[in-house]
């Protein structure tokens, strides 16, 4: 519950990219 959580993705042959973030407080952000 104290950690910010994120989803990333990595397509074949590409760099890993940030998809979405949710903070410990529940705030969200998206690519």
ModelCIF file with pLDDT and N, C-alpha, C, O atoms, coordinates in Angstrom:
data_MODEL
#
_entry.id   MODEL 
#
_entity.id                         1 
_entity.type                       polymer 
_entity.pdbx_number_of_molecules   1 
#
_entity_poly.entity_id                      1 
_entity_poly.type                           'polypeptide(L)' 
_entity_poly.nstd_linkage                   no 
_entity_poly.nstd_monomer                   no 
_entity_poly.pdbx_seq_one_letter_code       
;(UNK)(UNK)(UNK)(UNK)(UNK)(UNK)(UNK)(UNK)(UNK)(UNK)(UNK)(UNK)(UNK)(UNK)(UNK)(UNK)
(UNK)(UNK)(UNK)(UNK)(UNK)(UNK)(UNK)(UNK)(UNK)(UNK)(UNK)(UNK)(UNK)(UNK)(UNK)
;
_entity_poly.pdbx_seq_one_letter_code_can   XXXXXXXXXXXXXXXXXXXXXXXXXXXXXXX 
_entity_poly.pdbx_strand_id                 A 
#
loop_
_entity_poly_seq.entity_id 
_entity_poly_seq.num 
_entity_poly_seq.mon_id 
_entity_poly_seq.hetero 
1 1  UNK n 
1 2  UNK n 
1 3  UNK n 
1 4  UNK n 
1 5  UNK n 
1 6  UNK n 
1 7  UNK n 
1 8  UNK n 
1 9  UNK n 
1 10 UNK n 
1 11 UNK n 
1 12 UNK n 
1 13 UNK n 
1 14 UNK n 
1 15 UNK n 
1 16 UNK n 
1 17 UNK n 
1 18 UNK n 
1 19 UNK n 
1 20 UNK n 
1 21 UNK n 
1 22 UNK n 
1 23 UNK n 
1 24 UNK n 
1 25 UNK n 
1 26 UNK n 
1 27 UNK n 
1 28 UNK n 
1 29 UNK n 
1 30 UNK n 
1 31 UNK n 
#
_struct_asym.id          A 
_struct_asym.entity_id   1 
#
loop_
_ma_qa_metric.id 
_ma_qa_metric.mode 
_ma_qa_metric.name 
_ma_qa_metric.software_group_id 
_ma_qa_metric.type 
1 global pLDDT . pLDDT 
2 local  pLDDT . pLDDT 
#
_ma_qa_metric_global.metric_id      1 
_ma_qa_metric_global.metric_value   96.68 
_ma_qa_metric_global.model_id       1 
_ma_qa_metric_global.ordinal_id     1 
#
loop_
_ma_qa_metric_local.label_asym_id 
_ma_qa_metric_local.label_comp_id 
_ma_qa_metric_local.label_seq_id 
_ma_qa_metric_local.metric_id 
_ma_qa_metric_local.metric_value 
_ma_qa_metric_local.model_id 
_ma_qa_metric_local.ordinal_id 
A UNK 1  2 96.00 1 1  
A UNK 2  2 95.00 1 2  
A UNK 3  2 96.00 1 3  
A UNK 4  2 97.00 1 4  
A UNK 5  2 98.00 1 5  
A UNK 6  2 98.00 1 6  
A UNK 7  2 98.00 1 7  
A UNK 8  2 98.00 1 8  
A UNK 9  2 98.00 1 9  
A UNK 10 2 98.00 1 10 
A UNK 11 2 96.00 1 11 
A UNK 12 2 91.00 1 12 
A UNK 13 2 94.00 1 13 
A UNK 14 2 96.00 1 14 
A UNK 15 2 97.00 1 15 
A UNK 16 2 97.00 1 16 
A UNK 17 2 97.00 1 17 
A UNK 18 2 98.00 1 18 
A UNK 19 2 98.00 1 19 
A UNK 20 2 98.00 1 20 
A UNK 21 2 98.00 1 21 
A UNK 22 2 98.00 1 22 
A UNK 23 2 97.00 1 23 
A UNK 24 2 95.00 1 24 
A UNK 25 2 95.00 1 25 
A UNK 26 2 96.00 1 26 
A UNK 27 2 98.00 1 27 
A UNK 28 2 98.00 1 28 
A UNK 29 2 97.00 1 29 
A UNK 30 2 97.00 1 30 
A UNK 31 2 94.00 1 31 
#
loop_
_atom_site.group_PDB 
_atom_site.id 
_atom_site.type_symbol 
_atom_site.label_atom_id 
_atom_site.label_alt_id 
_atom_site.label_comp_id 
_atom_site.label_asym_id 
_atom_site.label_entity_id 
_atom_site.label_seq_id 
_atom_site.pdbx_PDB_ins_code 
_atom_site.Cartn_x 
_atom_site.Cartn_y 
_atom_site.Cartn_z 
_atom_site.occupancy 
_atom_site.B_iso_or_equiv 
_atom_site.pdbx_formal_charge 
_atom_site.auth_seq_id 
_atom_site.auth_comp_id 
_atom_site.auth_asym_id 
_atom_site.auth_atom_id 
_atom_site.pdbx_PDB_model_num 
ATOM 1   N N  . UNK A 1 1  ? 0.817  -1.225 0.000   1.00 96.00 ? 1  UNK A N  1 
ATOM 2   C CA . UNK A 1 1  ? 0.000  0.000  0.000   1.00 96.00 ? 1  UNK A CA 1 
ATOM 3   C C  . UNK A 1 1  ? 0.849  1.273  0.000   1.00 96.00 ? 1  UNK A C  1 
ATOM 4   O O  . UNK A 1 1  ? 0.345  2.350  -0.316  1.00 96.00 ? 1  UNK A O  1 
ATOM 5   N N  . UNK A 1 2  ? 2.131  1.156  0.352   1.00 95.00 ? 2  UNK A N  1 
ATOM 6   C CA . UNK A 1 2  ? 2.988  2.346  0.403   1.00 95.00 ? 2  UNK A CA 1 
ATOM 7   C C  . UNK A 1 2  ? 3.770  2.580  -0.882  1.00 95.00 ? 2  UNK A C  1 
ATOM 8   O O  . UNK A 1 2  ? 4.518  3.552  -0.984  1.00 95.00 ? 2  UNK A O  1 
ATOM 9   N N  . UNK A 1 3  ? 3.604  1.704  -1.856  1.00 96.00 ? 3  UNK A N  1 
ATOM 10  C CA . UNK A 1 3  ? 4.377  1.782  -3.087  1.00 96.00 ? 3  UNK A CA 1 
ATOM 11  C C  . UNK A 1 3  ? 3.549  2.333  -4.245  1.00 96.00 ? 3  UNK A C  1 
ATOM 12  O O  . UNK A 1 3  ? 2.371  2.008  -4.393  1.00 96.00 ? 3  UNK A O  1 
ATOM 13  N N  . UNK A 1 4  ? 4.181  3.164  -5.056  1.00 97.00 ? 4  UNK A N  1 
ATOM 14  C CA . UNK A 1 4  ? 3.608  3.498  -6.351  1.00 97.00 ? 4  UNK A CA 1 
ATOM 15  C C  . UNK A 1 4  ? 3.741  2.280  -7.256  1.00 97.00 ? 4  UNK A C  1 
ATOM 16  O O  . UNK A 1 4  ? 4.757  1.585  -7.235  1.00 97.00 ? 4  UNK A O  1 
ATOM 17  N N  . UNK A 1 5  ? 2.712  2.032  -8.044  1.00 98.00 ? 5  UNK A N  1 
ATOM 18  C CA . UNK A 1 5  ? 2.712  0.874  -8.935  1.00 98.00 ? 5  UNK A CA 1 
ATOM 19  C C  . UNK A 1 5  ? 2.608  1.344  -10.381 1.00 98.00 ? 5  UNK A C  1 
ATOM 20  O O  . UNK A 1 5  ? 1.896  2.299  -10.691 1.00 98.00 ? 5  UNK A O  1 
ATOM 21  N N  . UNK A 1 6  ? 3.314  0.669  -11.237 1.00 98.00 ? 6  UNK A N  1 
ATOM 22  C CA . UNK A 1 6  ? 3.341  1.043  -12.654 1.00 98.00 ? 6  UNK A CA 1 
ATOM 23  C C  . UNK A 1 6  ? 3.221  -0.185 -13.541 1.00 98.00 ? 6  UNK A C  1 
ATOM 24  O O  . UNK A 1 6  ? 3.614  -1.290 -13.167 1.00 98.00 ? 6  UNK A O  1 
ATOM 25  N N  . UNK A 1 7  ? 2.680  0.035  -14.698 1.00 98.00 ? 7  UNK A N  1 
ATOM 26  C CA . UNK A 1 7  ? 2.710  -0.957 -15.771 1.00 98.00 ? 7  UNK A CA 1 
ATOM 27  C C  . UNK A 1 7  ? 3.589  -0.405 -16.895 1.00 98.00 ? 7  UNK A C  1 
ATOM 28  O O  . UNK A 1 7  ? 3.455  0.747  -17.309 1.00 98.00 ? 7  UNK A O  1 
ATOM 29  N N  . UNK A 1 8  ? 4.477  -1.253 -17.366 1.00 98.00 ? 8  UNK A N  1 
ATOM 30  C CA . UNK A 1 8  ? 5.309  -0.971 -18.520 1.00 98.00 ? 8  UNK A CA 1 
ATOM 31  C C  . UNK A 1 8  ? 5.014  -2.028 -19.573 1.00 98.00 ? 8  UNK A C  1 
ATOM 32  O O  . UNK A 1 8  ? 4.406  -3.058 -19.283 1.00 98.00 ? 8  UNK A O  1 
ATOM 33  N N  . UNK A 1 9  ? 5.452  -1.761 -20.797 1.00 98.00 ? 9  UNK A N  1 
ATOM 34  C CA . UNK A 1 9  ? 5.383  -2.782 -21.833 1.00 98.00 ? 9  UNK A CA 1 
ATOM 35  C C  . UNK A 1 9  ? 6.614  -2.696 -22.718 1.00 98.00 ? 9  UNK A C  1 
ATOM 36  O O  . UNK A 1 9  ? 7.236  -1.642 -22.854 1.00 98.00 ? 9  UNK A O  1 
ATOM 37  N N  . UNK A 1 10 ? 6.945  -3.825 -23.314 1.00 98.00 ? 10 UNK A N  1 
ATOM 38  C CA . UNK A 1 10 ? 8.079  -3.886 -24.229 1.00 98.00 ? 10 UNK A CA 1 
ATOM 39  C C  . UNK A 1 10 ? 7.698  -4.726 -25.432 1.00 98.00 ? 10 UNK A C  1 
ATOM 40  O O  . UNK A 1 10 ? 7.481  -5.933 -25.327 1.00 98.00 ? 10 UNK A O  1 
ATOM 41  N N  . UNK A 1 11 ? 7.623  -4.062 -26.577 1.00 96.00 ? 11 UNK A N  1 
ATOM 42  C CA . UNK A 1 11 ? 7.319  -4.746 -27.825 1.00 96.00 ? 11 UNK A CA 1 
ATOM 43  C C  . UNK A 1 11 ? 8.605  -5.311 -28.420 1.00 96.00 ? 11 UNK A C  1 
ATOM 44  O O  . UNK A 1 11 ? 9.695  -4.840 -28.094 1.00 96.00 ? 11 UNK A O  1 
ATOM 45  N N  . UNK A 1 12 ? 8.492  -6.306 -29.280 1.00 91.00 ? 12 UNK A N  1 
ATOM 46  C CA . UNK A 1 12 ? 9.688  -6.901 -29.895 1.00 91.00 ? 12 UNK A CA 1 
ATOM 47  C C  . UNK A 1 12 ? 10.536 -5.847 -30.596 1.00 91.00 ? 12 UNK A C  1 
ATOM 48  O O  . UNK A 1 12 ? 10.035 -5.083 -31.421 1.00 91.00 ? 12 UNK A O  1 
ATOM 49  N N  . UNK A 1 13 ? 11.813 -5.814 -30.264 1.00 94.00 ? 13 UNK A N  1 
ATOM 50  C CA . UNK A 1 13 ? 12.734 -4.898 -30.911 1.00 94.00 ? 13 UNK A CA 1 
ATOM 51  C C  . UNK A 1 13 ? 12.640 -3.461 -30.461 1.00 94.00 ? 13 UNK A C  1 
ATOM 52  O O  . UNK A 1 13 ? 13.287 -2.587 -31.037 1.00 94.00 ? 13 UNK A O  1 
ATOM 53  N N  . UNK A 1 14 ? 11.842 -3.199 -29.435 1.00 96.00 ? 14 UNK A N  1 
ATOM 54  C CA . UNK A 1 14 ? 11.662 -1.828 -28.961 1.00 96.00 ? 14 UNK A CA 1 
ATOM 55  C C  . UNK A 1 14 ? 12.050 -1.720 -27.487 1.00 96.00 ? 14 UNK A C  1 
ATOM 56  O O  . UNK A 1 14 ? 12.173 -2.721 -26.780 1.00 96.00 ? 14 UNK A O  1 
ATOM 57  N N  . UNK A 1 15 ? 12.239 -0.477 -27.047 1.00 97.00 ? 15 UNK A N  1 
ATOM 58  C CA . UNK A 1 15 ? 12.556 -0.232 -25.652 1.00 97.00 ? 15 UNK A CA 1 
ATOM 59  C C  . UNK A 1 15 ? 11.306 -0.363 -24.785 1.00 97.00 ? 15 UNK A C  1 
ATOM 60  O O  . UNK A 1 15 ? 10.177 -0.205 -25.251 1.00 97.00 ? 15 UNK A O  1 
ATOM 61  N N  . UNK A 1 16 ? 11.546 -0.654 -23.523 1.00 97.00 ? 16 UNK A N  1 
ATOM 62  C CA . UNK A 1 16 ? 10.439 -0.717 -22.575 1.00 97.00 ? 16 UNK A CA 1 
ATOM 63  C C  . UNK A 1 16 ? 9.859  0.679  -22.399 1.00 97.00 ? 16 UNK A C  1 
ATOM 64  O O  . UNK A 1 16 ? 10.602 1.654  -22.284 1.00 97.00 ? 16 UNK A O  1 
ATOM 65  N N  . UNK A 1 17 ? 8.532  0.776  -22.377 1.00 97.00 ? 17 UNK A N  1 
ATOM 66  C CA . UNK A 1 17 ? 7.888  2.078  -22.224 1.00 97.00 ? 17 UNK A CA 1 
ATOM 67  C C  . UNK A 1 17 ? 6.877  2.041  -21.077 1.00 97.00 ? 17 UNK A C  1 
ATOM 68  O O  . UNK A 1 17 ? 6.263  1.013  -20.792 1.00 97.00 ? 17 UNK A O  1 
ATOM 69  N N  . UNK A 1 18 ? 6.727  3.187  -20.439 1.00 98.00 ? 18 UNK A N  1 
ATOM 70  C CA . UNK A 1 18 ? 5.779  3.331  -19.346 1.00 98.00 ? 18 UNK A CA 1 
ATOM 71  C C  . UNK A 1 18 ? 4.361  3.417  -19.900 1.00 98.00 ? 18 UNK A C  1 
ATOM 72  O O  . UNK A 1 18 ? 4.096  4.169  -20.838 1.00 98.00 ? 18 UNK A O  1 
ATOM 73  N N  . UNK A 1 19 ? 3.457  2.642  -19.313 1.00 98.00 ? 19 UNK A N  1 
ATOM 74  C CA . UNK A 1 19 ? 2.063  2.633  -19.755 1.00 98.00 ? 19 UNK A CA 1 
ATOM 75  C C  . UNK A 1 19 ? 1.194  3.460  -18.816 1.00 98.00 ? 19 UNK A C  1 
ATOM 76  O O  . UNK A 1 19 ? 0.459  4.346  -19.252 1.00 98.00 ? 19 UNK A O  1 
ATOM 77  N N  . UNK A 1 20 ? 1.288  3.157  -17.510 1.00 98.00 ? 20 UNK A N  1 
ATOM 78  C CA . UNK A 1 20 ? 0.407  3.812  -16.548 1.00 98.00 ? 20 UNK A CA 1 
ATOM 79  C C  . UNK A 1 20 ? 1.003  3.736  -15.151 1.00 98.00 ? 20 UNK A C  1 
ATOM 80  O O  . UNK A 1 20 ? 1.772  2.829  -14.832 1.00 98.00 ? 20 UNK A O  1 
ATOM 81  N N  . UNK A 1 21 ? 0.635  4.701  -14.332 1.00 98.00 ? 21 UNK A N  1 
ATOM 82  C CA . UNK A 1 21 ? 1.113  4.803  -12.953 1.00 98.00 ? 21 UNK A CA 1 
ATOM 83  C C  . UNK A 1 21 ? -0.066 5.029  -12.018 1.00 98.00 ? 21 UNK A C  1 
ATOM 84  O O  . UNK A 1 21 ? -1.008 5.749  -12.348 1.00 98.00 ? 21 UNK A O  1 
ATOM 85  N N  . UNK A 1 22 ? -0.002 4.401  -10.843 1.00 98.00 ? 22 UNK A N  1 
ATOM 86  C CA . UNK A 1 22 ? -0.937 4.726  -9.770  1.00 98.00 ? 22 UNK A CA 1 
ATOM 87  C C  . UNK A 1 22 ? -0.114 4.900  -8.500  1.00 98.00 ? 22 UNK A C  1 
ATOM 88  O O  . UNK A 1 22 ? 0.648  4.011  -8.121  1.00 98.00 ? 22 UNK A O  1 
ATOM 89  N N  . UNK A 1 23 ? -0.269 6.041  -7.846  1.00 97.00 ? 23 UNK A N  1 
ATOM 90  C CA . UNK A 1 23 ? 0.519  6.321  -6.646  1.00 97.00 ? 23 UNK A CA 1 
ATOM 91  C C  . UNK A 1 23 ? -0.059 5.587  -5.444  1.00 97.00 ? 23 UNK A C  1 
ATOM 92  O O  . UNK A 1 23 ? -1.127 4.980  -5.519  1.00 97.00 ? 23 UNK A O  1 
ATOM 93  N N  . UNK A 1 24 ? 0.666  5.657  -4.343  1.00 95.00 ? 24 UNK A N  1 
ATOM 94  C CA . UNK A 1 24 ? 0.171  5.053  -3.111  1.00 95.00 ? 24 UNK A CA 1 
ATOM 95  C C  . UNK A 1 24 ? -1.152 5.692  -2.689  1.00 95.00 ? 24 UNK A C  1 
ATOM 96  O O  . UNK A 1 24 ? -1.994 5.033  -2.078  1.00 95.00 ? 24 UNK A O  1 
ATOM 97  N N  . UNK A 1 25 ? -1.332 6.949  -3.007  1.00 95.00 ? 25 UNK A N  1 
ATOM 98  C CA . UNK A 1 25 ? -2.557 7.656  -2.669  1.00 95.00 ? 25 UNK A CA 1 
ATOM 99  C C  . UNK A 1 25 ? -3.691 7.464  -3.660  1.00 95.00 ? 25 UNK A C  1 
ATOM 100 O O  . UNK A 1 25 ? -4.809 7.925  -3.430  1.00 95.00 ? 25 UNK A O  1 
ATOM 101 N N  . UNK A 1 26 ? -3.399 6.774  -4.780  1.00 96.00 ? 26 UNK A N  1 
ATOM 102 C CA . UNK A 1 26 ? -4.448 6.471  -5.751  1.00 96.00 ? 26 UNK A CA 1 
ATOM 103 C C  . UNK A 1 26 ? -4.508 7.385  -6.960  1.00 96.00 ? 26 UNK A C  1 
ATOM 104 O O  . UNK A 1 26 ? -5.386 7.220  -7.807  1.00 96.00 ? 26 UNK A O  1 
ATOM 105 N N  . UNK A 1 27 ? -3.608 8.338  -7.062  1.00 98.00 ? 27 UNK A N  1 
ATOM 106 C CA . UNK A 1 27 ? -3.575 9.196  -8.249  1.00 98.00 ? 27 UNK A CA 1 
ATOM 107 C C  . UNK A 1 27 ? -3.041 8.405  -9.432  1.00 98.00 ? 27 UNK A C  1 
ATOM 108 O O  . UNK A 1 27 ? -2.156 7.562  -9.282  1.00 98.00 ? 27 UNK A O  1 
ATOM 109 N N  . UNK A 1 28 ? -3.590 8.687  -10.612 1.00 98.00 ? 28 UNK A N  1 
ATOM 110 C CA . UNK A 1 28 ? -3.214 7.921  -11.799 1.00 98.00 ? 28 UNK A CA 1 
ATOM 111 C C  . UNK A 1 28 ? -2.660 8.827  -12.894 1.00 98.00 ? 28 UNK A C  1 
ATOM 112 O O  . UNK A 1 28 ? -2.961 10.019 -12.959 1.00 98.00 ? 28 UNK A O  1 
ATOM 113 N N  . UNK A 1 29 ? -1.849 8.226  -13.741 1.00 97.00 ? 29 UNK A N  1 
ATOM 114 C CA . UNK A 1 29 ? -1.293 8.934  -14.886 1.00 97.00 ? 29 UNK A CA 1 
ATOM 115 C C  . UNK A 1 29 ? -1.063 7.925  -15.992 1.00 97.00 ? 29 UNK A C  1 
ATOM 116 O O  . UNK A 1 29 ? -0.747 6.764  -15.732 1.00 97.00 ? 29 UNK A O  1 
ATOM 117 N N  . UNK A 1 30 ? -1.225 8.383  -17.250 1.00 97.00 ? 30 UNK A N  1 
ATOM 118 C CA . UNK A 1 30 ? -1.122 7.496  -18.403 1.00 97.00 ? 30 UNK A CA 1 
ATOM 119 C C  . UNK A 1 30 ? -0.259 8.103  -19.482 1.00 97.00 ? 30 UNK A C  1 
ATOM 120 O O  . UNK A 1 30 ? -0.166 9.323  -19.620 1.00 97.00 ? 30 UNK A O  1 
ATOM 121 N N  . UNK A 1 31 ? 0.371  7.227  -20.247 1.00 94.00 ? 31 UNK A N  1 
ATOM 122 C CA . UNK A 1 31 ? 1.017  7.680  -21.469 1.00 94.00 ? 31 UNK A CA 1 
ATOM 123 C C  . UNK A 1 31 ? -0.076 8.201  -22.407 1.00 94.00 ? 31 UNK A C  1 
ATOM 124 O O  . UNK A 1 31 ? 0.223  8.645  -23.516 1.00 94.00 ? 31 UNK A O  1 
#
